[in-house]
Amino acid sequence: MLQAVQKQYANVEIPFYGKAGDKARRELFELQHLTVGAQVPDIQGVDLDGKAFKLSDYRGKVVFLDFWAHW
């Protein structure tokens, strides 16, 4: 069903979410790749001190990720 949304309704705008095709693509990625016990994607970011890091730098360690945004 999400594949059909990507193809048939890709450019339909959804309030607060953007285009339906983009939302469907993100949902599909989550369903296919972000399951319990699966290896997480190697995200990159900047820590509070401004130092760049990759999640893979902490492989084998317990990591707590806190995602937030300030609009």
Protein backbone atom coordinates (compact mmCIF):
# COMPACT_ATOMS: atom_id res chain seq x y z
CA MET A 1 0.00 0.00 0.00
CA LEU A 2 2.77 2.45 0.85
CA GLN A 3 4.43 1.69 -2.49
CA ALA A 4 1.18 2.68 -4.22
CA VAL A 5 1.06 5.94 -2.26
CA GLN A 6 4.62 6.68 -3.36
CA LYS A 7 3.67 6.23 -7.01
CA GLN A 8 0.10 7.49 -7.26
CA TYR A 9 0.03 10.28 -4.67
CA ALA A 10 3.68 11.33 -4.50
CA ASN A 11 2.99 15.06 -4.88
CA VAL A 12 -0.13 15.32 -2.71
CA GLU A 13 0.57 17.65 0.22
CA ILE A 14 -0.30 16.40 3.71
CA PRO A 15 -0.61 19.15 6.34
CA PHE A 16 2.34 19.09 8.79
CA TYR A 17 4.00 16.16 6.95
CA GLY A 18 4.85 17.43 3.47
CA LYS A 19 4.30 15.33 0.38
CA ALA A 20 2.54 11.97 0.63
CA GLY A 21 5.27 10.24 -1.39
CA ASP A 22 7.98 11.40 1.02
CA LYS A 23 5.93 10.34 4.05
CA ALA A 24 5.29 6.91 2.49
CA ARG A 25 9.00 6.51 1.69
CA ARG A 26 9.95 7.27 5.33
CA GLU A 27 7.31 4.89 6.68
CA LEU A 28 8.51 2.12 4.34
CA PHE A 29 12.10 2.65 5.46
CA GLU A 30 11.06 2.35 9.10
CA LEU A 31 9.07 -0.82 8.48
CA GLN A 32 11.85 -2.44 6.48
CA HIS A 33 14.92 -1.32 8.43
CA LEU A 34 14.06 -0.11 11.93
CA THR A 35 12.82 -3.23 13.64
CA VAL A 36 13.66 -4.44 17.13
CA GLY A 37 17.03 -6.16 17.08
CA ALA A 38 18.07 -4.71 13.72
CA GLN A 39 21.27 -2.72 13.31
CA VAL A 40 20.53 1.00 13.25
CA PRO A 41 21.64 3.25 10.39
CA ASP A 42 24.97 4.97 10.99
CA ILE A 43 23.82 8.49 11.74
CA GLN A 44 26.20 11.42 12.09
CA GLY A 45 25.88 14.51 14.20
CA VAL A 46 27.55 17.09 16.36
CA ASP A 47 27.74 16.73 20.13
CA LEU A 48 27.10 19.51 22.65
CA ASP A 49 30.74 20.58 22.43
CA GLY A 50 30.54 20.96 18.65
CA LYS A 51 32.57 17.81 17.96
CA ALA A 52 31.43 15.65 15.02
CA PHE A 53 30.59 12.02 15.77
CA LYS A 54 29.13 8.91 14.14
CA LEU A 55 26.88 6.47 15.93
CA SER A 56 29.20 3.65 14.81
CA ASP A 57 31.91 5.21 17.02
CA TYR A 58 29.96 3.77 19.95
CA ARG A 59 29.30 0.28 18.56
CA GLY A 60 29.24 -2.28 21.36
CA LYS A 61 28.38 0.33 24.00
CA VAL A 62 25.05 1.31 25.50
CA VAL A 63 23.86 4.54 23.86
CA PHE A 64 20.91 6.72 24.82
CA LEU A 65 19.66 8.88 21.95
CA ASP A 66 17.42 11.83 22.74
CA PHE A 67 16.00 13.42 19.60
CA TRP A 68 14.37 16.79 20.02
CA ALA A 69 13.80 19.99 18.14
CA HIS A 70 13.07 23.57 19.00
CA TRP A 71 10.84 25.23 16.45
